[in-house]
Amino acid sequence: MSAGILSQISFKKETEWGTAVVPDKSVAVRPTGGLTAKENIQQIQAIKGQLQKNYDAIKGKVAYEGSFTMDSFADYIGYFLLSALGTDTPNLHSSETIVYDHVFTETVPKPSLTIEQAQGESVYRYAGCIASGFKIIGKAGEMLEFQTDLQAKGLATATAISPAFTTVPAFNHAQLVVKIGGVPLVEVENFEINYKNGLEMVHAVGSVDPVYNSIKGGSEVSGKIEMYLDTTTLNRLVAYLAKTNESIELIATGTDVLGVGAHYALDILIPKSVYTTADTKITDDHNLLGIEFAGIYDTSTSKLLGVTLTNLLATFV
């Protein structure tokens, strides 16, 4: 019997979708989720002079999918952001020579990863892993949480690598700023930002595994924010009732000094959003205003959302 605490998740960016490579980076994950194979077993049935209905079984369209939840490390989450969004344009941070701003934009195709999931005696490498989306969750008093959903092309057994975990710190609640309409709100108690790119694995005859990956239905971003009710946050309820579009932005800034005077940072900007719900529940505790929102494509910036990650990596390889 093996101990789950000793499990490890490692990965490496592929040069071609589905062509497995040997992972060389490891990421610390929380004890939930994971990748799995769904065989979609089809039971073969027929009337053939017997009481028993099922006389055989075959594999159907096999799906390799799952998710990982982790703290928002300022370096390695970039690989999953890149896979979900499509393109990274790295630029030197202003007045710096070793600090880079990675500007992620939505494009197709999506870069893929080989992910090794080592759990004691069970070690599998999932090739052609692409992030179908991500979720960012922030709560007062907690680490900034990053979740990524993944779909893969196939899997094979492997020998676990020696793990190579990052030493870069993750963002926490004290390092977060939430802006609405460009104005910081100090009343936010918790929030979520959820992005989905519409990824779908496509099957064809001749193989039980996916043979293509494609985008179906387009991308979308949504989320929710709970904030303490006061005269400032009441404006969000007014905006909901008036169907006023507003920008929503999350900024996380680390405390470590990089280069001359930069810091690890994550900036997610939804330039245009609409509130889909707003409520103030009756309570004997502090009054909270809860809003849910959906991003709208912004023609002035040609974006649904903008994501920038600042760290010491020159590129994601």
C-alpha atoms as a PDB file:
ATOM      1  CA  MET A   1       0.000   0.000   0.000  1.00  0.00           C
ATOM      2  CA  SER A   2       1.311   3.463  -0.908  1.00  0.00           C
ATOM      3  CA  ALA A   3       0.735   6.817   0.782  1.00  0.00           C
ATOM      4  CA  GLY A   4      -1.203   9.431  -1.196  1.00  0.00           C
ATOM      5  CA  ILE A   5       0.846  12.241   0.302  1.00  0.00           C
ATOM      6  CA  LEU A   6       3.811  10.943  -1.741  1.00  0.00           C
ATOM      7  CA  SER A   7       2.017  11.307  -5.089  1.00  0.00           C
ATOM      8  CA  GLN A   8       3.472  13.748  -7.610  1.00  0.00           C
ATOM      9  CA  ILE A   9       2.284  15.601 -10.722  1.00  0.00           C
ATOM     10  CA  SER A  10       4.894  16.503 -13.334  1.00  0.00           C
ATOM     11  CA  PHE A  11       4.651  17.969 -16.832  1.00  0.00           C
ATOM     12  CA  LYS A  12       6.406  19.321 -19.905  1.00  0.00           C
ATOM     13  CA  LYS A  13       5.203  21.343 -22.880  1.00  0.00           C
ATOM     14  CA  GLU A  14       4.948  19.318 -26.090  1.00  0.00           C
ATOM     15  CA  THR A  15       6.159  20.378 -29.523  1.00  0.00           C
ATOM     16  CA  GLU A  16       3.410  18.409 -31.270  1.00  0.00           C
ATOM     17  CA  TRP A  17      -0.026  17.603 -29.895  1.00  0.00           C
ATOM     18  CA  GLY A  18      -0.144  14.072 -28.526  1.00  0.00           C
ATOM     19  CA  THR A  19       3.541  13.248 -29.009  1.00  0.00           C
ATOM     20  CA  ALA A  20       4.603  12.492 -25.447  1.00  0.00           C
ATOM     21  CA  VAL A  21       7.736  14.033 -23.945  1.00  0.00           C
ATOM     22  CA  VAL A  22       9.487  13.332 -20.653  1.00  0.00           C
ATOM     23  CA  PRO A  23       8.262  15.724 -17.954  1.00  0.00           C
ATOM     24  CA  ASP A  24      10.875  17.916 -16.287  1.00  0.00           C
ATOM     25  CA  LYS A  25       8.804  20.126 -13.986  1.00  0.00           C
ATOM     26  CA  SER A  26       6.585  19.241 -11.015  1.00  0.00           C
ATOM     27  CA  VAL A  27       3.740  21.171  -9.467  1.00  0.00           C
ATOM     28  CA  ALA A  28       2.293  20.885  -5.965  1.00  0.00           C
ATOM     29  CA  VAL A  29      -1.436  20.166  -6.119  1.00  0.00           C
ATOM     30  CA  ARG A  30      -4.184  19.959  -3.551  1.00  0.00           C
ATOM     31  CA  PRO A  31      -5.697  16.564  -2.611  1.00  0.00           C
ATOM     32  CA  THR A  32      -8.575  16.651  -5.065  1.00  0.00           C
ATOM     33  CA  GLY A  33      -9.208  15.944  -8.738  1.00  0.00           C
ATOM     34  CA  GLY A  34      -6.660  14.279 -11.001  1.00  0.00           C
ATOM     35  CA  LEU A  35      -6.639  12.837 -14.523  1.00  0.00           C
ATOM     36  CA  THR A  36      -8.490   9.663 -15.432  1.00  0.00           C
ATOM     37  CA  ALA A  37      -9.414   7.518 -18.437  1.00  0.00           C
ATOM     38  CA  LYS A  38     -13.106   7.068 -19.176  1.00  0.00           C
ATOM     39  CA  GLU A  39     -13.450   3.975 -21.383  1.00  0.00           C
ATOM     40  CA  ASN A  40     -17.130   4.539 -22.238  1.00  0.00           C
ATOM     41  CA  ILE A  41     -17.761   0.782 -22.324  1.00  0.00           C
ATOM     42  CA  GLN A  42     -20.522  -0.227 -24.762  1.00  0.00           C
ATOM     43  CA  GLN A  43     -22.386  -3.429 -23.910  1.00  0.00           C
ATOM     44  CA  ILE A  44     -23.419  -5.354 -26.997  1.00  0.00           C
ATOM     45  CA  GLN A  45     -26.984  -6.615 -26.879  1.00  0.00           C
ATOM     46  CA  ALA A  46     -29.176  -8.671 -29.187  1.00  0.00           C
ATOM     47  CA  ILE A  47     -32.032 -11.118 -29.250  1.00  0.00           C
ATOM     48  CA  LYS A  48     -30.304 -14.423 -29.892  1.00  0.00           C
ATOM     49  CA  GLY A  49     -32.337 -17.181 -28.276  1.00  0.00           C
ATOM     50  CA  GLN A  50     -31.097 -16.646 -24.717  1.00  0.00           C
ATOM     51  CA  LEU A  51     -32.318 -14.938 -21.575  1.00  0.00           C
ATOM     52  CA  GLN A  52     -29.098 -13.007 -21.028  1.00  0.00           C
ATOM     53  CA  LYS A  53     -29.194  -9.611 -22.731  1.00  0.00           C
ATOM     54  CA  ASN A  54     -25.508  -8.638 -22.919  1.00  0.00           C
ATOM     55  CA  TYR A  55     -23.235 -10.950 -24.909  1.00  0.00           C
ATOM     56  CA  ASP A  56     -20.123  -8.769 -25.424  1.00  0.00           C
ATOM     57  CA  ALA A  57     -18.578  -5.378 -24.682  1.00  0.00           C
ATOM     58  CA  ILE A  58     -16.299  -2.934 -26.517  1.00  0.00           C
ATOM     59  CA  LYS A  59     -14.570   0.326 -25.768  1.00  0.00           C
ATOM     60  CA  GLY A  60     -16.471   3.363 -27.011  1.00  0.00           C
ATOM     61  CA  LYS A  61     -15.106   6.887 -27.426  1.00  0.00           C
ATOM     62  CA  VAL A  62     -12.393   6.969 -24.766  1.00  0.00           C
ATOM     63  CA  ALA A  63     -11.978  10.268 -22.923  1.00  0.00           C
ATOM     64  CA  TYR A  64      -8.911  11.277 -20.928  1.00  0.00           C
ATOM     65  CA  GLU A  65      -9.794  14.190 -18.712  1.00  0.00           C
ATOM     66  CA  GLY A  66      -9.721  15.655 -15.231  1.00  0.00           C
ATOM     67  CA  SER A  67      -8.614  18.667 -13.251  1.00  0.00           C
ATOM     68  CA  PHE A  68      -5.989  19.885 -10.823  1.00  0.00           C
ATOM     69  CA  THR A  69      -6.327  22.404  -8.019  1.00  0.00           C
ATOM     70  CA  MET A  70      -3.262  24.223  -6.731  1.00  0.00           C
ATOM     71  CA  ASP A  71      -2.051  27.412  -5.119  1.00  0.00           C
ATOM     72  CA  SER A  72      -1.424  30.148  -7.683  1.00  0.00           C
ATOM     73  CA  PHE A  73       2.329  29.827  -8.130  1.00  0.00           C
ATOM     74  CA  ALA A  74       3.650  32.795 -10.072  1.00  0.00           C
ATOM     75  CA  ASP A  75       5.565  30.675 -12.563  1.00  0.00           C
ATOM     76  CA  TYR A  76       4.085  27.268 -13.346  1.00  0.00           C
ATOM     77  CA  ILE A  77       0.438  28.322 -13.593  1.00  0.00           C
ATOM     78  CA  GLY A  78       1.623  30.101 -16.729  1.00  0.00           C
ATOM     79  CA  TYR A  79       1.843  26.777 -18.576  1.00  0.00           C
ATOM     80  CA  PHE A  80      -1.829  26.088 -17.916  1.00  0.00           C
ATOM     81  CA  LEU A  81      -2.837  29.672 -18.751  1.00  0.00           C
ATOM     82  CA  LEU A  82      -0.933  29.351 -22.036  1.00  0.00           C
ATOM     83  CA  SER A  83      -2.585  26.028 -22.844  1.00  0.00           C
ATOM     84  CA  ALA A  84      -6.053  27.423 -22.138  1.00  0.00           C
ATOM     85  CA  LEU A  85      -5.611  30.727 -23.977  1.00  0.00           C
ATOM     86  CA  GLY A  86      -3.243  29.866 -26.811  1.00  0.00           C
ATOM     87  CA  THR A  87      -0.460  32.446 -27.141  1.00  0.00           C
ATOM     88  CA  ASP A  88       2.109  34.052 -24.836  1.00  0.00           C
ATOM     89  CA  THR A  89       3.881  37.257 -25.832  1.00  0.00           C
ATOM     90  CA  PRO A  90       6.740  37.805 -23.352  1.00  0.00           C
ATOM     91  CA  ASN A  91       8.145  41.315 -22.910  1.00  0.00           C
ATOM     92  CA  LEU A  92      10.775  42.624 -20.542  1.00  0.00           C
ATOM     93  CA  HIS A  93       9.138  44.356 -17.608  1.00  0.00           C
ATOM     94  CA  SER A  94       9.636  48.117 -17.599  1.00  0.00           C
ATOM     95  CA  SER A  95      13.168  49.113 -16.439  1.00  0.00           C
ATOM     96  CA  GLU A  96      14.124  45.442 -15.946  1.00  0.00           C
ATOM     97  CA  THR A  97      16.550  43.087 -17.703  1.00  0.00           C
ATOM     98  CA  ILE A  98      15.573  39.707 -16.189  1.00  0.00           C
ATOM     99  CA  VAL A  99      11.862  40.148 -15.345  1.00  0.00           C
ATOM    100  CA  TYR A 100       9.229  39.345 -17.964  1.00  0.00           C
ATOM    101  CA  ASP A 101       5.587  40.214 -18.472  1.00  0.00           C
ATOM    102  CA  HIS A 102       3.811  37.322 -20.182  1.00  0.00           C
ATOM    103  CA  VAL A 103       0.781  38.623 -22.074  1.00  0.00           C
ATOM    104  CA  PHE A 104      -1.622  35.782 -22.888  1.00  0.00           C
ATOM    105  CA  THR A 105      -4.140  36.085 -25.715  1.00  0.00           C
ATOM    106  CA  GLU A 106      -6.835  33.806 -27.113  1.00  0.00           C
ATOM    107  CA  THR A 107      -5.784  31.938 -30.245  1.00  0.00           C
ATOM    108  CA  VAL A 108      -6.009  28.480 -31.820  1.00  0.00           C
ATOM    109  CA  PRO A 109      -4.402  26.001 -31.797  1.00  0.00           C
ATOM    110  CA  LYS A 110      -3.737  25.502 -28.091  1.00  0.00           C
ATOM    111  CA  PRO A 111      -0.325  24.330 -26.810  1.00  0.00           C
ATOM    112  CA  SER A 112      -0.347  20.890 -25.201  1.00  0.00           C
ATOM    113  CA  LEU A 113       1.425  19.218 -22.293  1.00  0.00           C
ATOM    114  CA  THR A 114       2.505  15.737 -21.324  1.00  0.00           C
ATOM    115  CA  ILE A 115       1.408  15.277 -17.711  1.00  0.00           C
ATOM    116  CA  GLU A 116       2.742  12.484 -15.512  1.00  0.00           C
ATOM    117  CA  GLN A 117       0.481  11.408 -12.665  1.00  0.00           C
ATOM    118  CA  ALA A 118       2.452   9.262 -10.232  1.00  0.00           C
ATOM    119  CA  GLN A 119       0.454   7.700  -7.399  1.00  0.00           C
ATOM    120  CA  GLY A 120       2.501   5.007  -5.747  1.00  0.00           C
ATOM    121  CA  GLU A 121       2.578   1.981  -8.060  1.00  0.00           C
ATOM    122  CA  SER A 122       0.311   3.703 -10.594  1.00  0.00           C
ATOM    123  CA  VAL A 123       2.330   5.938 -12.933  1.00  0.00           C
ATOM    124  CA  TYR A 124       0.759   7.162 -16.168  1.00  0.00           C
ATOM    125  CA  ARG A 125       1.702   9.867 -18.647  1.00  0.00           C
ATOM    126  CA  TYR A 126      -1.165  11.638 -20.365  1.00  0.00           C
ATOM    127  CA  ALA A 127      -0.103  12.964 -23.763  1.00  0.00           C
ATOM    128  CA  GLY A 128      -1.762  15.820 -25.611  1.00  0.00           C
ATOM    129  CA  CYS A 129      -3.159  17.492 -22.475  1.00  0.00           C
ATOM    130  CA  ILE A 130      -4.843  20.800 -23.246  1.00  0.00           C
ATOM    131  CA  ALA A 131      -6.490  23.058 -20.680  1.00  0.00           C
ATOM    132  CA  SER A 132     -10.156  23.585 -21.494  1.00  0.00           C
ATOM    133  CA  GLY A 133     -10.337  26.386 -18.957  1.00  0.00           C
ATOM    134  CA  PHE A 134      -9.312  27.645 -15.552  1.00  0.00           C
ATOM    135  CA  LYS A 135     -10.840  29.080 -12.413  1.00  0.00           C
ATOM    136  CA  ILE A 136      -9.315  31.588 -10.002  1.00  0.00           C
ATOM    137  CA  ILE A 137     -10.742  31.670  -6.466  1.00  0.00           C
ATOM    138  CA  GLY A 138      -9.857  34.219  -3.824  1.00  0.00           C
ATOM    139  CA  LYS A 139     -11.109  34.256  -0.235  1.00  0.00           C
ATOM    140  CA  ALA A 140     -10.193  36.412   2.736  1.00  0.00           C
ATOM    141  CA  GLY A 141      -7.593  34.612   4.857  1.00  0.00           C
ATOM    142  CA  GLU A 142      -6.649  31.996   2.233  1.00  0.00           C
ATOM    143  CA  MET A 143      -4.212  31.336  -0.620  1.00  0.00           C
ATOM    144  CA  LEU A 144      -5.260  32.345  -4.119  1.00  0.00           C
ATOM    145  CA  GLU A 145      -6.564  29.122  -5.644  1.00  0.00           C
ATOM    146  CA  PHE A 146      -6.004  28.048  -9.252  1.00  0.00           C
ATOM    147  CA  GLN A 147      -8.005  25.261 -10.878  1.00  0.00           C
ATOM    148  CA  THR A 148      -7.470  23.933 -14.383  1.00  0.00           C
ATOM    149  CA  ASP A 149      -9.618  21.514 -16.382  1.00  0.00           C
ATOM    150  CA  LEU A 150      -7.759  19.273 -18.837  1.00  0.00           C
ATOM    151  CA  GLN A 151      -8.467  16.970 -21.765  1.00  0.00           C
ATOM    152  CA  ALA A 152      -5.872  14.631 -23.277  1.00  0.00           C
ATOM    153  CA  LYS A 153      -5.266  12.526 -26.391  1.00  0.00           C
ATOM    154  CA  GLY A 154      -3.976   9.328 -24.762  1.00  0.00           C
ATOM    155  CA  LEU A 155      -2.015   7.739 -21.934  1.00  0.00           C
ATOM    156  CA  ALA A 156       0.771   5.235 -21.358  1.00  0.00           C
ATOM    157  CA  THR A 157       2.489   3.698 -18.378  1.00  0.00           C
ATOM    158  CA  ALA A 158       5.804   5.227 -17.319  1.00  0.00           C
ATOM    159  CA  THR A 159       8.531   5.279 -14.708  1.00  0.00           C
ATOM    160  CA  ALA A 160       8.148   8.279 -12.423  1.00  0.00           C
ATOM    161  CA  ILE A 161      10.697  11.048 -12.801  1.00  0.00           C
ATOM    162  CA  SER A 162      12.513  12.555  -9.844  1.00  0.00           C
ATOM    163  CA  PRO A 163      10.234  15.495  -9.002  1.00  0.00           C
ATOM    164  CA  ALA A 164      11.385  19.050  -9.714  1.00  0.00           C
ATOM    165  CA  PHE A 165       9.114  21.393  -7.766  1.00  0.00           C
ATOM    166  CA  THR A 166       9.166  25.169  -8.052  1.00  0.00           C
ATOM    167  CA  THR A 167      10.411  27.353  -5.200  1.00  0.00           C
ATOM    168  CA  VAL A 168       8.525  30.396  -6.461  1.00  0.00           C
ATOM    169  CA  PRO A 169       5.929  31.577  -3.919  1.00  0.00           C
ATOM    170  CA  ALA A 170       2.190  31.486  -4.525  1.00  0.00           C
ATOM    171  CA  PHE A 171      -0.105  34.486  -4.158  1.00  0.00           C
ATOM    172  CA  ASN A 172      -2.199  34.884  -0.999  1.00  0.00           C
ATOM    173  CA  HIS A 173      -5.261  36.903  -0.010  1.00  0.00           C
ATOM    174  CA  ALA A 174      -3.281  39.835   1.412  1.00  0.00           C
ATOM    175  CA  GLN A 175      -1.686  40.425  -2.004  1.00  0.00           C
ATOM    176  CA  LEU A 176      -4.960  40.796  -3.924  1.00  0.00           C
ATOM    177  CA  VAL A 177      -6.812  43.805  -5.274  1.00  0.00           C
ATOM    178  CA  VAL A 178     -10.179  43.612  -7.021  1.00  0.00           C
ATOM    179  CA  LYS A 179     -11.163  46.552  -9.206  1.00  0.00           C
ATOM    180  CA  ILE A 180     -14.566  47.289 -10.690  1.00  0.00           C
ATOM    181  CA  GLY A 181     -14.747  50.055 -13.235  1.00  0.00           C
ATOM    182  CA  GLY A 182     -11.048  50.693 -12.567  1.00  0.00           C
ATOM    183  CA  VAL A 183     -11.675  51.499  -8.882  1.00  0.00           C
ATOM    184  CA  PRO A 184     -10.221  49.220  -6.144  1.00  0.00           C
ATOM    185  CA  LEU A 185     -12.789  47.733  -3.761  1.00  0.00           C
ATOM    186  CA  VAL A 186     -11.645  47.042  -0.197  1.00  0.00           C
ATOM    187  CA  GLU A 187     -14.976  45.424   0.697  1.00  0.00           C
ATOM    188  CA  VAL A 188     -14.523  42.154  -1.246  1.00  0.00           C
ATOM    189  CA  GLU A 189     -14.767  39.010   0.918  1.00  0.00           C
ATOM    190  CA  ASN A 190     -14.460  36.402  -1.845  1.00  0.00           C
ATOM    191  CA  PHE A 191     -14.570  36.069  -5.625  1.00  0.00           C
ATOM    192  CA  GLU A 192     -14.317  33.620  -8.529  1.00  0.00           C
ATOM    193  CA  ILE A 193     -13.296  34.061 -12.163  1.00  0.00           C
ATOM    194  CA  ASN A 194     -14.107  31.137 -14.455  1.00  0.00           C
ATOM    195  CA  TYR A 195     -12.837  30.876 -18.053  1.00  0.00           C
ATOM    196  CA  LYS A 196     -13.828  28.192 -20.589  1.00  0.00           C
ATOM    197  CA  ASN A 197     -12.390  28.035 -24.092  1.00  0.00           C
ATOM    198  CA  GLY A 198     -14.846  25.575 -25.677  1.00  0.00           C
ATOM    199  CA  LEU A 199     -12.255  22.831 -26.232  1.00  0.00           C
ATOM    200  CA  GLU A 200     -13.543  19.477 -27.479  1.00  0.00           C
ATOM    201  CA  MET A 201     -11.718  16.247 -28.296  1.00  0.00           C
ATOM    202  CA  VAL A 202     -12.985  14.810 -31.583  1.00  0.00           C
ATOM    203  CA  HIS A 203     -13.240  11.084 -32.359  1.00  0.00           C
ATOM    204  CA  ALA A 204     -13.340   9.311 -35.714  1.00  0.00           C
ATOM    205  CA  VAL A 205     -13.569   5.711 -36.882  1.00  0.00           C
ATOM    206  CA  GLY A 206     -10.385   3.693 -36.668  1.00  0.00           C
ATOM    207  CA  SER A 207      -9.415   4.628 -33.101  1.00  0.00           C
ATOM    208  CA  VAL A 208     -10.940   4.655 -29.646  1.00  0.00           C
ATOM    209  CA  ASP A 209      -8.785   7.705 -28.787  1.00  0.00           C
ATOM    210  CA  PRO A 210      -9.389  11.284 -29.967  1.00  0.00           C
ATOM    211  CA  VAL A 211      -7.856  12.103 -33.359  1.00  0.00           C
ATOM    212  CA  TYR A 212      -8.421  15.870 -33.366  1.00  0.00           C
ATOM    213  CA  ASN A 213      -9.005  18.701 -30.947  1.00  0.00           C
ATOM    214  CA  SER A 214     -11.164  21.656 -31.814  1.00  0.00           C
ATOM    215  CA  ILE A 215     -13.091  24.595 -30.365  1.00  0.00           C
ATOM    216  CA  LYS A 216     -16.845  24.153 -30.133  1.00  0.00           C
ATOM    217  CA  GLY A 217     -19.183  26.978 -29.209  1.00  0.00           C
ATOM    218  CA  GLY A 218     -16.538  29.621 -28.453  1.00  0.00           C
ATOM    219  CA  SER A 219     -14.999  30.940 -25.249  1.00  0.00           C
ATOM    220  CA  GLU A 220     -16.694  32.513 -22.252  1.00  0.00           C
ATOM    221  CA  VAL A 221     -15.748  34.041 -18.924  1.00  0.00           C
ATOM    222  CA  SER A 222     -17.954  34.414 -15.874  1.00  0.00           C
ATOM    223  CA  GLY A 223     -17.629  34.815 -12.142  1.00  0.00           C
ATOM    224  CA  LYS A 224     -19.025  36.021  -8.873  1.00  0.00           C
ATOM    225  CA  ILE A 225     -18.052  38.420  -6.124  1.00  0.00           C
ATOM    226  CA  GLU A 226     -19.283  38.755  -2.553  1.00  0.00           C
ATOM    227  CA  MET A 227     -18.612  42.091  -0.888  1.00  0.00           C
ATOM    228  CA  TYR A 228     -19.636  43.803   2.314  1.00  0.00           C
ATOM    229  CA  LEU A 229     -22.565  46.123   1.725  1.00  0.00           C
ATOM    230  CA  ASP A 230     -21.923  49.845   2.134  1.00  0.00           C
ATOM    231  CA  THR A 231     -22.522  53.037   0.152  1.00  0.00           C
ATOM    232  CA  THR A 232     -19.694  52.157  -2.255  1.00  0.00           C
ATOM    233  CA  THR A 233     -20.674  48.592  -3.045  1.00  0.00           C
ATOM    234  CA  LEU A 234     -24.338  49.555  -3.293  1.00  0.00           C
ATOM    235  CA  ASN A 235     -23.372  51.013  -6.684  1.00  0.00           C
ATOM    236  CA  ARG A 236     -22.970  47.450  -7.977  1.00  0.00           C
ATOM    237  CA  LEU A 237     -26.640  46.779  -7.208  1.00  0.00           C
ATOM    238  CA  VAL A 238     -27.545  50.032  -8.955  1.00  0.00           C
ATOM    239  CA  ALA A 239     -25.436  48.957 -11.956  1.00  0.00           C
ATOM    240  CA  TYR A 240     -27.212  45.582 -12.046  1.00  0.00           C
ATOM    241  CA  LEU A 241     -30.657  47.192 -12.026  1.00  0.00           C
ATOM    242  CA  ALA A 242     -29.592  49.599 -14.793  1.00  0.00           C
ATOM    243  CA  LYS A 243     -27.753  46.854 -16.774  1.00  0.00           C
ATOM    244  CA  THR A 244     -24.595  48.940 -16.750  1.00  0.00           C
ATOM    245  CA  ASN A 245     -21.508  47.279 -18.204  1.00  0.00           C
ATOM    246  CA  GLU A 246     -18.355  47.530 -16.072  1.00  0.00           C
ATOM    247  CA  SER A 247     -14.785  46.231 -16.195  1.00  0.00           C
ATOM    248  CA  ILE A 248     -13.649  43.715 -13.572  1.00  0.00           C
ATOM    249  CA  GLU A 249      -9.998  43.200 -12.744  1.00  0.00           C
ATOM    250  CA  LEU A 250      -7.994  41.011 -10.372  1.00  0.00           C
ATOM    251  CA  ILE A 251      -4.437  42.053  -9.516  1.00  0.00           C
ATOM    252  CA  ALA A 252      -2.155  39.860  -7.389  1.00  0.00           C
ATOM    253  CA  THR A 253       1.250  41.289  -6.458  1.00  0.00           C
ATOM    254  CA  GLY A 254       3.904  39.323  -4.587  1.00  0.00           C
ATOM    255  CA  THR A 255       6.266  40.755  -1.993  1.00  0.00           C
ATOM    256  CA  ASP A 256       9.549  39.309  -3.317  1.00  0.00           C
ATOM    257  CA  VAL A 257      11.634  41.882  -5.183  1.00  0.00           C
ATOM    258  CA  LEU A 258      12.692  40.770  -8.671  1.00  0.00           C
ATOM    259  CA  GLY A 259      15.488  42.462 -10.566  1.00  0.00           C
ATOM    260  CA  VAL A 260      15.662  46.183  -9.806  1.00  0.00           C
ATOM    261  CA  GLY A 261      12.257  46.630  -8.257  1.00  0.00           C
ATOM    262  CA  ALA A 262       9.648  44.396  -9.890  1.00  0.00           C
ATOM    263  CA  HIS A 263       7.457  41.766  -8.231  1.00  0.00           C
ATOM    264  CA  TYR A 264       5.713  38.551  -9.158  1.00  0.00           C
ATOM    265  CA  ALA A 265       2.283  39.574 -10.423  1.00  0.00           C
ATOM    266  CA  LEU A 266      -0.903  38.251 -11.992  1.00  0.00           C
ATOM    267  CA  ASP A 267      -3.345  40.615 -13.693  1.00  0.00           C
ATOM    268  CA  ILE A 268      -6.664  39.370 -15.098  1.00  0.00           C
ATOM    269  CA  LEU A 269      -8.786  42.043 -16.753  1.00  0.00           C
ATOM    270  CA  ILE A 270     -12.308  41.553 -18.078  1.00  0.00           C
ATOM    271  CA  PRO A 271     -12.752  44.852 -19.900  1.00  0.00           C
ATOM    272  CA  LYS A 272     -16.513  44.559 -20.297  1.00  0.00           C
ATOM    273  CA  SER A 273     -18.958  42.583 -18.190  1.00  0.00           C
ATOM    274  CA  VAL A 274     -22.646  42.508 -17.388  1.00  0.00           C
ATOM    275  CA  TYR A 275     -24.115  41.582 -14.004  1.00  0.00           C
ATOM    276  CA  THR A 276     -26.436  38.586 -14.351  1.00  0.00           C
ATOM    277  CA  THR A 277     -27.606  38.425 -10.732  1.00  0.00           C
ATOM    278  CA  ALA A 278     -27.336  40.560  -7.611  1.00  0.00           C
ATOM    279  CA  ASP A 279     -28.738  39.820  -4.180  1.00  0.00           C
ATOM    280  CA  THR A 280     -28.558  40.884  -0.553  1.00  0.00           C
ATOM    281  CA  LYS A 281     -29.708  37.995   1.613  1.00  0.00           C
ATOM    282  CA  ILE A 282     -31.359  38.630   4.960  1.00  0.00           C
ATOM    283  CA  THR A 283     -28.912  37.703   7.737  1.00  0.00           C
ATOM    284  CA  ASP A 284     -28.018  38.424  11.361  1.00  0.00           C
ATOM    285  CA  ASP A 285     -24.358  38.612  10.298  1.00  0.00           C
ATOM    286  CA  HIS A 286     -22.621  41.296   8.216  1.00  0.00           C
ATOM    287  CA  ASN A 287     -24.690  42.299   5.190  1.00  0.00           C
ATOM    288  CA  LEU A 288     -23.192  41.022   1.945  1.00  0.00           C
ATOM    289  CA  LEU A 289     -23.919  41.934  -1.648  1.00  0.00           C
ATOM    290  CA  GLY A 290     -23.432  38.999  -3.982  1.00  0.00           C
ATOM    291  CA  ILE A 291     -23.111  39.559  -7.717  1.00  0.00           C
ATOM    292  CA  GLU A 292     -22.608  37.201 -10.628  1.00  0.00           C
ATOM    293  CA  PHE A 293     -21.253  38.443 -13.933  1.00  0.00           C
ATOM    294  CA  ALA A 294     -20.518  37.372 -17.486  1.00  0.00           C
ATOM    295  CA  GLY A 295     -17.819  38.786 -19.719  1.00  0.00           C
ATOM    296  CA  ILE A 296     -18.751  40.375 -23.045  1.00  0.00           C
ATOM    297  CA  TYR A 297     -16.386  40.721 -25.996  1.00  0.00           C
ATOM    298  CA  ASP A 298     -15.026  44.264 -25.874  1.00  0.00           C
ATOM    299  CA  THR A 299     -14.702  45.801 -29.337  1.00  0.00           C
ATOM    300  CA  SER A 300     -12.499  48.659 -28.113  1.00  0.00           C
ATOM    301  CA  THR A 301      -9.759  46.278 -26.904  1.00  0.00           C
ATOM    302  CA  SER A 302     -10.697  43.295 -29.130  1.00  0.00           C
ATOM    303  CA  LYS A 303     -10.673  41.075 -26.035  1.00  0.00           C
ATOM    304  CA  LEU A 304     -12.941  38.983 -23.865  1.00  0.00           C
ATOM    305  CA  LEU A 305     -10.276  39.025 -21.178  1.00  0.00           C
ATOM    306  CA  GLY A 306      -6.629  39.949 -20.795  1.00  0.00           C
ATOM    307  CA  VAL A 307      -4.161  37.960 -18.676  1.00  0.00           C
ATOM    308  CA  THR A 308      -0.621  39.061 -17.757  1.00  0.00           C
ATOM    309  CA  LEU A 309       1.758  37.057 -15.561  1.00  0.00           C
ATOM    310  CA  THR A 310       5.020  38.616 -14.355  1.00  0.00           C
ATOM    311  CA  ASN A 311       7.922  36.374 -13.350  1.00  0.00           C
ATOM    312  CA  LEU A 312      11.551  35.462 -14.116  1.00  0.00           C
ATOM    313  CA  LEU A 313      10.811  33.018 -16.946  1.00  0.00           C
ATOM    314  CA  ALA A 314      11.821  34.302 -20.384  1.00  0.00           C
ATOM    315  CA  THR A 315       9.497  31.815 -22.066  1.00  0.00           C
ATOM    316  CA  PHE A 316       7.390  28.732 -21.345  1.00  0.00           C
ATOM    317  CA  VAL A 317       9.250  25.719 -22.769  1.00  0.00           C
END
